[in-house]
């Protein structure tokens, strides 16, 4: 059997339907500097999610100005897609920041408990030593 016939025209060796930058769970990396290759309604555009959002928004406005409502709607839909990606990135960054703060707070609590525990141990030892000294003084009298 011919191997060329078994593969589709759009076969991707990485096993995915998209670019090789996808994670194992199929999600795009949420890095604001990630560069996307976008196939717009009538052209290819390359840039970050923010750049693509602004570009498609401007193209939609331009198409609206020329009276091409169909093309404008297509551009606005592309802009909305990248707007959603930007929101997902912002939410992921916020969640990551909250997790970092929680880990930091947990480390501080553990450190304070450790210091407080050592302070209590030293405090507990001191009265015992003093009571031994006091008792030896009392017996000497």
N, C-alpha and C. Protein backbone atom coordinates (compact mmCIF):
# COMPACT_ATOMS: atom_id res chain seq x y z
N UNK A 1 0.85 -1.18 0.00
CA UNK A 1 0.00 0.00 0.00
C UNK A 1 0.89 1.25 0.00
N UNK A 2 0.49 2.23 -0.74
CA UNK A 2 1.27 3.46 -0.88
C UNK A 2 1.07 4.36 0.34
N UNK A 3 2.18 4.71 1.02
CA UNK A 3 2.11 5.53 2.22
C UNK A 3 1.61 6.95 1.93
N UNK A 4 1.90 7.45 0.74
CA UNK A 4 1.47 8.81 0.42
C UNK A 4 -0.05 8.90 0.38
N UNK A 5 -0.70 7.85 -0.06
CA UNK A 5 -2.16 7.87 -0.12
C UNK A 5 -2.78 7.78 1.27
N UNK A 6 -2.07 7.15 2.20
CA UNK A 6 -2.62 6.98 3.54
C UNK A 6 -2.63 8.29 4.32
N UNK A 7 -1.70 9.15 4.02
CA UNK A 7 -1.63 10.41 4.74
C UNK A 7 -2.49 11.46 4.06
N UNK A 8 -3.09 12.29 4.85
CA UNK A 8 -3.87 13.38 4.27
C UNK A 8 -2.92 14.48 3.80
N UNK A 9 -3.47 15.39 3.02
CA UNK A 9 -2.64 16.50 2.53
C UNK A 9 -2.11 17.36 3.65
N UNK A 10 -2.87 17.47 4.73
CA UNK A 10 -2.51 18.38 5.81
C UNK A 10 -1.94 17.65 7.02
N UNK A 11 -1.27 16.53 6.77
CA UNK A 11 -0.71 15.75 7.88
C UNK A 11 0.35 16.57 8.60
N UNK A 12 0.27 16.54 9.92
CA UNK A 12 1.26 17.23 10.74
C UNK A 12 2.01 16.17 11.55
N UNK A 13 3.34 16.15 11.45
CA UNK A 13 4.10 15.11 12.14
C UNK A 13 4.02 15.18 13.66
N UNK A 14 3.65 16.34 14.23
CA UNK A 14 3.58 16.45 15.68
C UNK A 14 2.28 15.92 16.24
N UNK A 15 1.41 15.43 15.39
CA UNK A 15 0.19 14.81 15.85
C UNK A 15 -0.96 15.77 16.10
N UNK A 16 -0.74 17.05 15.97
CA UNK A 16 -1.79 18.02 16.23
C UNK A 16 -2.27 18.66 14.95
N UNK A 17 -3.37 19.34 15.06
CA UNK A 17 -3.89 20.04 13.91
C UNK A 17 -3.33 21.44 13.79
N UNK A 18 -2.64 21.88 14.82
CA UNK A 18 -2.13 23.26 14.83
C UNK A 18 -0.63 23.28 14.86
N UNK A 19 -0.10 24.35 15.40
CA UNK A 19 1.35 24.53 15.46
C UNK A 19 2.00 23.63 16.49
N UNK A 20 3.31 23.53 16.46
CA UNK A 20 4.04 22.69 17.38
C UNK A 20 4.18 23.28 18.75
N UNK A 21 3.64 24.47 18.99
CA UNK A 21 3.81 25.13 20.29
C UNK A 21 2.71 24.76 21.27
N UNK A 22 1.87 23.80 20.94
CA UNK A 22 0.79 23.42 21.84
C UNK A 22 1.31 22.53 22.96
N UNK A 23 0.69 22.66 24.11
CA UNK A 23 1.00 21.79 25.24
C UNK A 23 0.31 20.45 25.03
N UNK A 24 0.60 19.49 25.86
CA UNK A 24 0.00 18.17 25.75
C UNK A 24 -1.51 18.19 25.90
N UNK A 25 -2.04 19.12 26.66
CA UNK A 25 -3.49 19.17 26.87
C UNK A 25 -4.22 19.89 25.74
N UNK A 26 -3.52 20.27 24.70
CA UNK A 26 -4.16 20.90 23.55
C UNK A 26 -4.35 22.39 23.67
N UNK A 27 -3.95 22.99 24.77
CA UNK A 27 -4.12 24.42 24.98
C UNK A 27 -2.90 25.17 24.47
N UNK A 28 -3.15 26.38 23.99
CA UNK A 28 -2.03 27.22 23.57
C UNK A 28 -1.33 27.75 24.81
N UNK A 29 -0.04 27.94 24.72
CA UNK A 29 0.66 28.50 25.88
C UNK A 29 0.14 29.90 26.18
N UNK A 30 -0.01 30.21 27.44
CA UNK A 30 -0.54 31.52 27.82
C UNK A 30 0.62 32.45 28.15
N UNK A 31 1.37 32.77 27.15
CA UNK A 31 2.51 33.67 27.26
C UNK A 31 2.19 34.87 26.39
N UNK A 32 2.18 36.05 26.98
CA UNK A 32 1.77 37.23 26.22
C UNK A 32 2.73 37.57 25.07
N UNK A 33 3.92 37.00 25.08
CA UNK A 33 4.87 37.25 24.00
C UNK A 33 4.82 36.19 22.91
N UNK A 34 3.91 35.22 23.06
CA UNK A 34 3.78 34.15 22.06
C UNK A 34 3.33 34.76 20.73
N UNK A 35 3.97 34.35 19.66
CA UNK A 35 3.64 34.87 18.33
C UNK A 35 2.71 33.87 17.64
N UNK A 36 1.60 34.38 17.15
CA UNK A 36 0.60 33.57 16.46
C UNK A 36 0.70 33.79 14.96
N UNK A 37 0.45 32.73 14.20
CA UNK A 37 0.27 32.84 12.75
C UNK A 37 -1.23 32.75 12.52
N UNK A 38 -1.83 33.82 12.07
CA UNK A 38 -3.28 33.87 11.91
C UNK A 38 -3.65 33.91 10.44
N UNK A 39 -4.59 33.06 10.05
CA UNK A 39 -5.12 33.09 8.69
C UNK A 39 -6.43 33.87 8.72
N UNK A 40 -6.34 35.13 8.40
CA UNK A 40 -7.53 35.98 8.39
C UNK A 40 -8.40 35.68 7.20
N UNK A 41 -9.50 36.42 7.05
CA UNK A 41 -10.42 36.18 5.94
C UNK A 41 -9.77 36.30 4.56
N UNK A 42 -8.81 37.20 4.43
CA UNK A 42 -8.22 37.37 3.10
C UNK A 42 -6.70 37.52 3.14
N UNK A 43 -6.07 37.28 4.29
CA UNK A 43 -4.62 37.42 4.38
C UNK A 43 -4.10 36.69 5.60
N UNK A 44 -2.79 36.44 5.61
CA UNK A 44 -2.12 35.88 6.78
C UNK A 44 -1.57 37.04 7.60
N UNK A 45 -1.74 36.95 8.91
CA UNK A 45 -1.23 37.97 9.81
C UNK A 45 -0.44 37.26 10.89
N UNK A 46 0.68 37.85 11.29
CA UNK A 46 1.53 37.25 12.32
C UNK A 46 1.78 38.29 13.40
N UNK A 47 1.69 37.86 14.67
CA UNK A 47 1.97 38.77 15.77
C UNK A 47 1.49 38.19 17.09
N UNK A 48 1.67 38.97 18.15
CA UNK A 48 1.18 38.55 19.47
C UNK A 48 -0.34 38.69 19.49
N UNK A 49 -0.97 38.14 20.51
CA UNK A 49 -2.43 38.22 20.61
C UNK A 49 -2.88 39.68 20.65
N UNK A 50 -2.13 40.52 21.36
CA UNK A 50 -2.49 41.94 21.45
C UNK A 50 -2.38 42.61 20.09
N UNK A 51 -1.30 42.32 19.36
CA UNK A 51 -1.11 42.91 18.03
C UNK A 51 -2.19 42.45 17.06
N UNK A 52 -2.53 41.15 17.12
CA UNK A 52 -3.55 40.63 16.21
C UNK A 52 -4.92 41.19 16.54
N UNK A 53 -5.22 41.32 17.83
CA UNK A 53 -6.49 41.91 18.23
C UNK A 53 -6.62 43.32 17.65
N UNK A 54 -5.59 44.13 17.84
CA UNK A 54 -5.62 45.51 17.34
C UNK A 54 -5.68 45.55 15.81
N UNK A 55 -4.94 44.67 15.16
CA UNK A 55 -4.90 44.64 13.69
C UNK A 55 -6.27 44.29 13.12
N UNK A 56 -6.89 43.22 13.65
CA UNK A 56 -8.21 42.81 13.14
C UNK A 56 -9.28 43.83 13.47
N UNK A 57 -9.16 44.48 14.62
CA UNK A 57 -10.12 45.52 14.96
C UNK A 57 -10.03 46.67 13.96
N UNK A 58 -8.80 47.07 13.63
CA UNK A 58 -8.61 48.15 12.66
C UNK A 58 -9.09 47.73 11.27
N UNK A 59 -8.78 46.49 10.87
CA UNK A 59 -9.25 46.01 9.57
C UNK A 59 -10.78 45.98 9.52
N UNK A 60 -11.41 45.60 10.64
CA UNK A 60 -12.88 45.60 10.69
C UNK A 60 -13.44 47.00 10.56
N UNK A 61 -12.81 47.95 11.22
CA UNK A 61 -13.26 49.35 11.10
C UNK A 61 -13.10 49.86 9.68
N UNK A 62 -11.96 49.51 9.07
CA UNK A 62 -11.72 49.95 7.69
C UNK A 62 -12.75 49.34 6.74
N UNK A 63 -13.06 48.05 6.93
CA UNK A 63 -14.04 47.39 6.07
C UNK A 63 -15.43 47.99 6.28
N UNK A 64 -15.74 48.37 7.51
CA UNK A 64 -17.01 49.02 7.78
C UNK A 64 -17.07 50.37 7.06
N UNK A 65 -15.95 51.08 7.07
CA UNK A 65 -15.89 52.38 6.41
C UNK A 65 -16.07 52.29 4.90
N UNK A 66 -15.64 51.18 4.32
CA UNK A 66 -15.79 51.01 2.87
C UNK A 66 -17.13 50.39 2.50
N UNK A 67 -17.93 50.03 3.52
CA UNK A 67 -19.26 49.49 3.25
C UNK A 67 -19.31 47.97 3.13
N UNK A 68 -18.21 47.27 3.36
CA UNK A 68 -18.20 45.81 3.25
C UNK A 68 -18.51 45.20 4.62
N UNK A 69 -19.81 45.06 4.90
CA UNK A 69 -20.23 44.58 6.21
C UNK A 69 -19.85 43.12 6.46
N UNK A 70 -19.83 42.31 5.43
CA UNK A 70 -19.50 40.89 5.57
C UNK A 70 -18.03 40.74 5.98
N UNK A 71 -17.16 41.42 5.25
CA UNK A 71 -15.73 41.35 5.57
C UNK A 71 -15.47 41.96 6.95
N UNK A 72 -16.15 43.05 7.27
CA UNK A 72 -15.98 43.69 8.57
C UNK A 72 -16.35 42.72 9.69
N UNK A 73 -17.46 42.01 9.53
CA UNK A 73 -17.88 41.04 10.54
C UNK A 73 -16.85 39.93 10.70
N UNK A 74 -16.29 39.48 9.61
CA UNK A 74 -15.26 38.44 9.67
C UNK A 74 -14.04 38.94 10.44
N UNK A 75 -13.62 40.17 10.17
CA UNK A 75 -12.48 40.75 10.91
C UNK A 75 -12.81 40.91 12.39
N UNK A 76 -14.03 41.37 12.70
CA UNK A 76 -14.41 41.55 14.10
C UNK A 76 -14.47 40.21 14.84
N UNK A 77 -14.87 39.15 14.14
CA UNK A 77 -14.87 37.83 14.78
C UNK A 77 -13.44 37.38 15.09
N UNK A 78 -12.53 37.66 14.16
CA UNK A 78 -11.12 37.33 14.43
C UNK A 78 -10.60 38.17 15.61
N UNK A 79 -10.97 39.44 15.66
CA UNK A 79 -10.54 40.30 16.76
C UNK A 79 -11.08 39.76 18.08
N UNK A 80 -12.34 39.32 18.09
CA UNK A 80 -12.94 38.78 19.30
C UNK A 80 -12.19 37.53 19.77
N UNK A 81 -11.77 36.70 18.83
CA UNK A 81 -11.01 35.49 19.17
C UNK A 81 -9.74 35.87 19.94
N UNK A 82 -9.00 36.84 19.44
CA UNK A 82 -7.76 37.23 20.11
C UNK A 82 -8.04 38.00 21.40
N UNK A 83 -9.17 38.68 21.47
CA UNK A 83 -9.58 39.33 22.71
C UNK A 83 -9.80 38.27 23.80
N UNK A 84 -10.44 37.16 23.43
CA UNK A 84 -10.66 36.07 24.38
C UNK A 84 -9.34 35.46 24.83
N UNK A 85 -8.40 35.32 23.92
CA UNK A 85 -7.08 34.80 24.28
C UNK A 85 -6.40 35.75 25.27
N UNK A 86 -6.50 37.06 25.01
CA UNK A 86 -5.92 38.04 25.94
C UNK A 86 -6.55 37.93 27.32
N UNK A 87 -7.87 37.74 27.38
CA UNK A 87 -8.54 37.59 28.68
C UNK A 87 -8.07 36.32 29.39
N UNK A 88 -7.91 35.24 28.64
CA UNK A 88 -7.44 33.98 29.24
C UNK A 88 -6.03 34.16 29.78
N UNK A 89 -5.20 34.88 29.05
CA UNK A 89 -3.84 35.14 29.52
C UNK A 89 -3.85 35.97 30.80
N UNK A 90 -4.71 36.97 30.86
CA UNK A 90 -4.78 37.83 32.04
C UNK A 90 -5.27 37.03 33.24
N UNK A 91 -6.27 36.17 33.04
CA UNK A 91 -6.77 35.34 34.13
C UNK A 91 -5.70 34.37 34.62
N UNK A 92 -4.96 33.77 33.69
CA UNK A 92 -3.90 32.83 34.07
C UNK A 92 -2.81 33.55 34.85
N UNK A 93 -2.46 34.76 34.42
CA UNK A 93 -1.43 35.52 35.12
C UNK A 93 -1.90 35.89 36.52
N UNK A 94 -3.16 36.28 36.64
CA UNK A 94 -3.71 36.63 37.95
C UNK A 94 -3.73 35.41 38.87
N UNK A 95 -4.15 34.27 38.34
CA UNK A 95 -4.19 33.06 39.15
C UNK A 95 -2.78 32.65 39.57
N UNK A 96 -1.84 32.77 38.66
CA UNK A 96 -0.45 32.43 38.97
C UNK A 96 0.09 33.35 40.07
N UNK A 97 -0.23 34.62 39.99
CA UNK A 97 0.21 35.57 41.01
C UNK A 97 -0.40 35.24 42.36
N UNK A 98 -1.68 34.88 42.37
CA UNK A 98 -2.33 34.52 43.63
C UNK A 98 -1.69 33.26 44.23
N UNK A 99 -1.36 32.30 43.38
CA UNK A 99 -0.72 31.07 43.87
C UNK A 99 0.66 31.38 44.44
N UNK A 100 1.40 32.27 43.78
CA UNK A 100 2.71 32.66 44.31
C UNK A 100 2.57 33.34 45.66
N UNK A 101 1.57 34.22 45.79
CA UNK A 101 1.35 34.91 47.07
C UNK A 101 0.96 33.92 48.16
N UNK A 102 0.12 32.93 47.82
CA UNK A 102 -0.27 31.93 48.81
C UNK A 102 0.94 31.11 49.26
N UNK A 103 1.80 30.71 48.30
CA UNK A 103 3.00 29.97 48.67
C UNK A 103 3.91 30.80 49.56
N UNK A 104 4.02 32.09 49.24
CA UNK A 104 4.85 32.98 50.04
C UNK A 104 4.29 33.10 51.46
N UNK A 105 2.97 33.28 51.57
CA UNK A 105 2.34 33.37 52.88
C UNK A 105 2.54 32.08 53.67
N UNK A 106 2.43 30.95 52.99
CA UNK A 106 2.62 29.66 53.65
C UNK A 106 4.05 29.53 54.17
N UNK A 107 5.03 29.94 53.37
CA UNK A 107 6.42 29.90 53.82
C UNK A 107 6.63 30.80 55.03
N UNK A 108 6.02 31.99 55.02
CA UNK A 108 6.14 32.89 56.17
C UNK A 108 5.53 32.26 57.42
N UNK A 109 4.35 31.63 57.28
CA UNK A 109 3.71 30.99 58.43
C UNK A 109 4.58 29.87 58.98
N UNK A 110 5.14 29.06 58.11
CA UNK A 110 5.99 27.96 58.56
C UNK A 110 7.22 28.52 59.27
N UNK A 111 7.79 29.58 58.69
CA UNK A 111 8.97 30.19 59.29
C UNK A 111 8.62 30.77 60.67
N UNK A 112 7.50 31.45 60.78
CA UNK A 112 7.09 32.03 62.06
C UNK A 112 6.80 30.94 63.09
N UNK A 113 6.15 29.86 62.64
CA UNK A 113 5.88 28.76 63.56
C UNK A 113 7.19 28.14 64.04
N UNK A 114 8.13 28.01 63.13
CA UNK A 114 9.43 27.44 63.49
C UNK A 114 10.14 28.34 64.49
N UNK A 115 10.16 29.65 64.21
CA UNK A 115 10.81 30.59 65.13
C UNK A 115 10.08 30.64 66.45
N UNK A 116 8.77 30.64 66.41
CA UNK A 116 7.97 30.69 67.63
C UNK A 116 8.18 29.41 68.44
N UNK A 117 8.27 28.29 67.78
CA UNK A 117 8.51 27.02 68.46
C UNK A 117 9.87 26.99 69.13
N UNK A 118 10.90 27.51 68.47
CA UNK A 118 12.24 27.56 69.08
C UNK A 118 12.24 28.53 70.26
N UNK A 119 11.55 29.64 70.13
CA UNK A 119 11.48 30.63 71.21
C UNK A 119 10.79 30.03 72.42
N UNK A 120 9.75 29.25 72.19
CA UNK A 120 9.03 28.61 73.29
C UNK A 120 9.94 27.59 73.96
N UNK A 121 10.71 26.84 73.17
CA UNK A 121 11.61 25.85 73.72
C UNK A 121 12.65 26.51 74.60
N UNK A 122 13.23 27.63 74.12
CA UNK A 122 14.22 28.35 74.92
C UNK A 122 13.57 28.92 76.17
N UNK A 123 12.36 29.42 76.03
CA UNK A 123 11.64 29.98 77.17
C UNK A 123 11.35 28.89 78.20
N UNK A 124 10.95 27.72 77.70
CA UNK A 124 10.66 26.61 78.60
C UNK A 124 11.92 26.12 79.31
N UNK A 125 13.05 26.16 78.61
CA UNK A 125 14.30 25.69 79.20
C UNK A 125 14.79 26.64 80.28
N UNK A 126 14.62 27.94 80.06
CA UNK A 126 15.13 28.92 81.02
C UNK A 126 14.49 28.78 82.39
N UNK A 127 13.19 28.67 82.52
CA UNK A 127 12.61 28.53 83.86
C UNK A 127 13.10 27.25 84.55
N UNK A 128 13.28 26.18 83.80
CA UNK A 128 13.78 24.95 84.41
C UNK A 128 15.17 25.16 84.96
N UNK A 129 16.02 25.86 84.19
CA UNK A 129 17.37 26.12 84.66
C UNK A 129 17.34 27.02 85.89
N UNK A 130 16.46 28.04 85.83
CA UNK A 130 16.36 28.95 86.98
C UNK A 130 15.82 28.21 88.20
N UNK A 131 14.85 27.36 88.00
CA UNK A 131 14.31 26.65 89.15
C UNK A 131 15.34 25.72 89.74
N UNK A 132 16.21 25.12 88.91
CA UNK A 132 17.27 24.28 89.44
C UNK A 132 18.25 25.11 90.26
N UNK A 133 18.59 26.32 89.72
CA UNK A 133 19.50 27.20 90.43
C UNK A 133 18.88 27.64 91.76
N UNK A 134 17.58 28.01 91.70
CA UNK A 134 16.89 28.44 92.90
C UNK A 134 16.83 27.32 93.91
N UNK A 135 16.57 26.12 93.45
CA UNK A 135 16.48 25.00 94.39
C UNK A 135 17.84 24.68 95.00
N UNK A 136 18.92 24.84 94.20
CA UNK A 136 20.25 24.58 94.77
C UNK A 136 20.63 25.67 95.76
N UNK A 137 20.16 26.90 95.51
CA UNK A 137 20.41 27.99 96.44
C UNK A 137 19.64 27.76 97.74
N UNK A 138 18.40 27.28 97.61
CA UNK A 138 17.57 27.04 98.78
C UNK A 138 18.17 25.93 99.65
N UNK A 139 18.71 24.91 99.01
CA UNK A 139 19.29 23.80 99.78
C UNK A 139 20.59 24.24 100.42
N UNK A 140 21.29 25.20 99.80
CA UNK A 140 22.56 25.70 100.36
C UNK A 140 22.27 26.54 101.58
N UNK A 141 21.13 27.16 101.66
CA UNK A 141 20.81 28.04 102.80
C UNK A 141 20.49 27.26 103.96
